[in-house]
């Protein structure tokens, strides 16, 4: 009985941690972009990237920035961050290696 309670508690803790983690920022980049009402849409960002030759697999909000997973025109599979107000490219990385970072 004692082991059943401990196992159940541990399982509940793991399940709770898994549910809350998607809301957390990864910490790679943060943006102080103000209220979302002033942001351009992710659809606008994705359309602009496709026009530049990118292939966009997924985009989301992370740390107040737009985070995009996709392929650059050069063929690199990357994770990239963009300012949601200006859609300016801030950071592009490939498997932990920084390919571009705004200064």
C-alpha atoms as a PDB file:
ATOM      1  CA  UNK A   1       0.000   0.000   0.000  1.00  0.00           C
ATOM      2  CA  UNK A   2       2.797   2.403   0.934  1.00  0.00           C
ATOM      3  CA  UNK A   3       4.573   1.839  -2.405  1.00  0.00           C
ATOM      4  CA  UNK A   4       1.328   2.325  -4.340  1.00  0.00           C
ATOM      5  CA  UNK A   5       0.819   5.770  -2.766  1.00  0.00           C
ATOM      6  CA  UNK A   6       4.429   6.795  -3.437  1.00  0.00           C
ATOM      7  CA  UNK A   7       4.218   5.576  -7.054  1.00  0.00           C
ATOM      8  CA  UNK A   8       0.918   7.389  -7.598  1.00  0.00           C
ATOM      9  CA  UNK A   9       2.330  10.614  -6.133  1.00  0.00           C
ATOM     10  CA  UNK A  10       5.427  10.396  -8.310  1.00  0.00           C
ATOM     11  CA  UNK A  11       3.314   9.767 -11.415  1.00  0.00           C
ATOM     12  CA  UNK A  12       1.099  12.751 -10.608  1.00  0.00           C
ATOM     13  CA  UNK A  13       4.153  14.978 -10.148  1.00  0.00           C
ATOM     14  CA  UNK A  14       5.611  13.914 -13.498  1.00  0.00           C
ATOM     15  CA  UNK A  15       2.277  14.421 -15.263  1.00  0.00           C
ATOM     16  CA  UNK A  16       1.834  17.889 -13.752  1.00  0.00           C
ATOM     17  CA  UNK A  17       5.358  18.937 -14.732  1.00  0.00           C
ATOM     18  CA  UNK A  18       4.769  17.770 -18.290  1.00  0.00           C
ATOM     19  CA  UNK A  19       1.578  19.793 -18.589  1.00  0.00           C
ATOM     20  CA  UNK A  20       3.115  23.039 -17.415  1.00  0.00           C
ATOM     21  CA  UNK A  21       6.361  22.938 -19.382  1.00  0.00           C
ATOM     22  CA  UNK A  22       5.038  24.027 -22.826  1.00  0.00           C
ATOM     23  CA  UNK A  23       4.061  27.393 -21.371  1.00  0.00           C
ATOM     24  CA  UNK A  24       7.613  28.098 -20.244  1.00  0.00           C
ATOM     25  CA  UNK A  25      10.080  29.938 -22.444  1.00  0.00           C
ATOM     26  CA  UNK A  26      13.203  28.088 -23.540  1.00  0.00           C
ATOM     27  CA  UNK A  27      15.438  30.948 -22.487  1.00  0.00           C
ATOM     28  CA  UNK A  28      17.254  31.256 -25.816  1.00  0.00           C
ATOM     29  CA  UNK A  29      15.657  34.611 -26.609  1.00  0.00           C
ATOM     30  CA  UNK A  30      13.187  37.013 -25.015  1.00  0.00           C
ATOM     31  CA  UNK A  31      11.415  39.973 -26.545  1.00  0.00           C
ATOM     32  CA  UNK A  32       9.941  42.986 -24.805  1.00  0.00           C
ATOM     33  CA  UNK A  33       7.424  43.543 -27.588  1.00  0.00           C
ATOM     34  CA  UNK A  34       4.597  45.090 -25.593  1.00  0.00           C
ATOM     35  CA  UNK A  35       0.982  43.942 -25.708  1.00  0.00           C
ATOM     36  CA  UNK A  36      -0.018  41.334 -28.284  1.00  0.00           C
ATOM     37  CA  UNK A  37      -2.534  43.780 -29.747  1.00  0.00           C
ATOM     38  CA  UNK A  38       0.430  45.596 -31.329  1.00  0.00           C
ATOM     39  CA  UNK A  39       1.983  42.449 -32.817  1.00  0.00           C
ATOM     40  CA  UNK A  40       1.855  41.351 -36.425  1.00  0.00           C
ATOM     41  CA  UNK A  41       0.380  37.895 -36.884  1.00  0.00           C
ATOM     42  CA  UNK A  42       2.317  34.650 -37.141  1.00  0.00           C
ATOM     43  CA  UNK A  43       0.621  34.186 -40.513  1.00  0.00           C
ATOM     44  CA  UNK A  44       2.249  37.421 -41.722  1.00  0.00           C
ATOM     45  CA  UNK A  45       5.651  36.212 -40.495  1.00  0.00           C
ATOM     46  CA  UNK A  46       5.260  32.802 -42.110  1.00  0.00           C
ATOM     47  CA  UNK A  47       4.178  34.377 -45.429  1.00  0.00           C
ATOM     48  CA  UNK A  48       7.188  36.716 -45.387  1.00  0.00           C
ATOM     49  CA  UNK A  49       9.560  33.829 -44.676  1.00  0.00           C
ATOM     50  CA  UNK A  50       8.083  31.665 -47.438  1.00  0.00           C
ATOM     51  CA  UNK A  51       8.498  34.609 -49.824  1.00  0.00           C
ATOM     52  CA  UNK A  52      12.206  34.682 -48.834  1.00  0.00           C
ATOM     53  CA  UNK A  53      12.548  30.963 -49.616  1.00  0.00           C
ATOM     54  CA  UNK A  54      12.055  29.463 -46.151  1.00  0.00           C
ATOM     55  CA  UNK A  55       9.987  26.370 -45.454  1.00  0.00           C
ATOM     56  CA  UNK A  56       8.097  26.828 -42.181  1.00  0.00           C
ATOM     57  CA  UNK A  57       7.303  23.669 -40.248  1.00  0.00           C
ATOM     58  CA  UNK A  58       5.928  25.263 -37.063  1.00  0.00           C
ATOM     59  CA  UNK A  59       5.712  28.628 -35.357  1.00  0.00           C
ATOM     60  CA  UNK A  60       4.727  29.656 -31.846  1.00  0.00           C
ATOM     61  CA  UNK A  61       5.156  32.360 -29.227  1.00  0.00           C
ATOM     62  CA  UNK A  62       8.121  31.807 -26.897  1.00  0.00           C
ATOM     63  CA  UNK A  63       9.549  34.346 -24.462  1.00  0.00           C
ATOM     64  CA  UNK A  64       7.505  37.132 -26.057  1.00  0.00           C
ATOM     65  CA  UNK A  65       9.074  36.380 -29.463  1.00  0.00           C
ATOM     66  CA  UNK A  66       7.884  34.394 -32.438  1.00  0.00           C
ATOM     67  CA  UNK A  67       9.804  31.127 -32.603  1.00  0.00           C
ATOM     68  CA  UNK A  68       9.923  29.351 -35.958  1.00  0.00           C
ATOM     69  CA  UNK A  69      11.076  25.837 -36.796  1.00  0.00           C
ATOM     70  CA  UNK A  70      11.859  25.394 -40.452  1.00  0.00           C
ATOM     71  CA  UNK A  71      14.370  25.319 -43.265  1.00  0.00           C
ATOM     72  CA  UNK A  72      16.283  28.353 -44.534  1.00  0.00           C
ATOM     73  CA  UNK A  73      16.738  29.097 -48.242  1.00  0.00           C
ATOM     74  CA  UNK A  74      20.241  27.609 -47.855  1.00  0.00           C
ATOM     75  CA  UNK A  75      18.745  24.291 -46.722  1.00  0.00           C
ATOM     76  CA  UNK A  76      19.603  24.511 -43.007  1.00  0.00           C
ATOM     77  CA  UNK A  77      16.988  23.085 -40.619  1.00  0.00           C
ATOM     78  CA  UNK A  78      16.801  25.743 -37.911  1.00  0.00           C
ATOM     79  CA  UNK A  79      15.080  27.236 -34.928  1.00  0.00           C
ATOM     80  CA  UNK A  80      14.691  31.008 -35.352  1.00  0.00           C
ATOM     81  CA  UNK A  81      13.339  33.888 -33.276  1.00  0.00           C
ATOM     82  CA  UNK A  82      11.674  37.020 -34.618  1.00  0.00           C
ATOM     83  CA  UNK A  83      10.398  40.248 -33.061  1.00  0.00           C
ATOM     84  CA  UNK A  84       6.575  40.045 -33.206  1.00  0.00           C
ATOM     85  CA  UNK A  85       6.147  43.785 -33.813  1.00  0.00           C
ATOM     86  CA  UNK A  86       8.702  44.332 -36.601  1.00  0.00           C
ATOM     87  CA  UNK A  87       9.172  40.672 -37.685  1.00  0.00           C
ATOM     88  CA  UNK A  88      12.911  41.379 -37.504  1.00  0.00           C
ATOM     89  CA  UNK A  89      15.135  38.287 -37.345  1.00  0.00           C
ATOM     90  CA  UNK A  90      16.826  38.060 -33.946  1.00  0.00           C
ATOM     91  CA  UNK A  91      18.407  34.622 -33.677  1.00  0.00           C
ATOM     92  CA  UNK A  92      18.843  31.598 -35.939  1.00  0.00           C
ATOM     93  CA  UNK A  93      20.369  28.402 -34.594  1.00  0.00           C
ATOM     94  CA  UNK A  94      20.976  24.915 -35.897  1.00  0.00           C
ATOM     95  CA  UNK A  95      21.401  22.116 -33.344  1.00  0.00           C
ATOM     96  CA  UNK A  96      22.758  24.494 -30.732  1.00  0.00           C
ATOM     97  CA  UNK A  97      25.095  26.326 -33.143  1.00  0.00           C
ATOM     98  CA  UNK A  98      24.225  30.001 -33.683  1.00  0.00           C
ATOM     99  CA  UNK A  99      24.067  30.828 -37.392  1.00  0.00           C
ATOM    100  CA  UNK A 100      22.819  34.404 -36.907  1.00  0.00           C
ATOM    101  CA  UNK A 101      22.320  36.711 -33.929  1.00  0.00           C
ATOM    102  CA  UNK A 102      21.275  40.326 -34.103  1.00  0.00           C
ATOM    103  CA  UNK A 103      23.799  42.585 -32.398  1.00  0.00           C
END
